[in-house]
Amino acid sequence: MSTWRERSKYLLVSIAVFLLDQITKKIVSQGMHEHQTIEIIPNFLNLTYIHNRGAVFGLGSDVSSPYLSWLLSILSILSLGVILVYFLRVSARSPKLYAGLALVLGGALGNLFDRLRNGHVIDFIDLHWFDYHWPFFNVADSSICLGVAILLLFMSVRHEPAPNSGRG
């Protein structure tokens, strides 16, 4: 399989993540009002619609600077550039690496699109154990975390060269 065909398959994964993220955010933003909560699984999972003006897991969301959204957008664009360059330089024989990068790319695009369009990111998944809540997140955040986990696992495994199948 050619390098372009291999890469395009994973770019489709990025596009699918982006679209799923945007569709779920649209459903939540049109069907709920901000800070509304819908209990899905008691003491474990709620849908809670919030606007995250900060970074990952809401860090900096209480900062009132009008420049925060621009700063986070610029950092996201730079990160996307690095991901794309790496994506184009990876060997076609690294499907796990491609998969991880594709998930991170799709998620990063989803959150960047929100930030550029709205000045904030829409979060709505509220995992909790009774009163102990994980920070709110969305499909893009989940994709980024899964992609990073795949990349870390891939990079932590020692890669041995394949045995030479030729005679000689």
Foldseek 3Di string as FASTA:
>chain_A
DDLVVLLVVLLVLLVVLLVVQVVVLVCDPVVHPAQDWDDDDPQFKIWHKHWQLADPLNVPSPPPDPCRLVVVLVVLVVVLVVLVVVSVPDDSPCNLLSNLSSLLNSLSVNQSVCCVVPVTGIFTIWTGRRPRIRRTHTSSSVSNVVSVVSVVVVVVDDDDDDDDPDDD
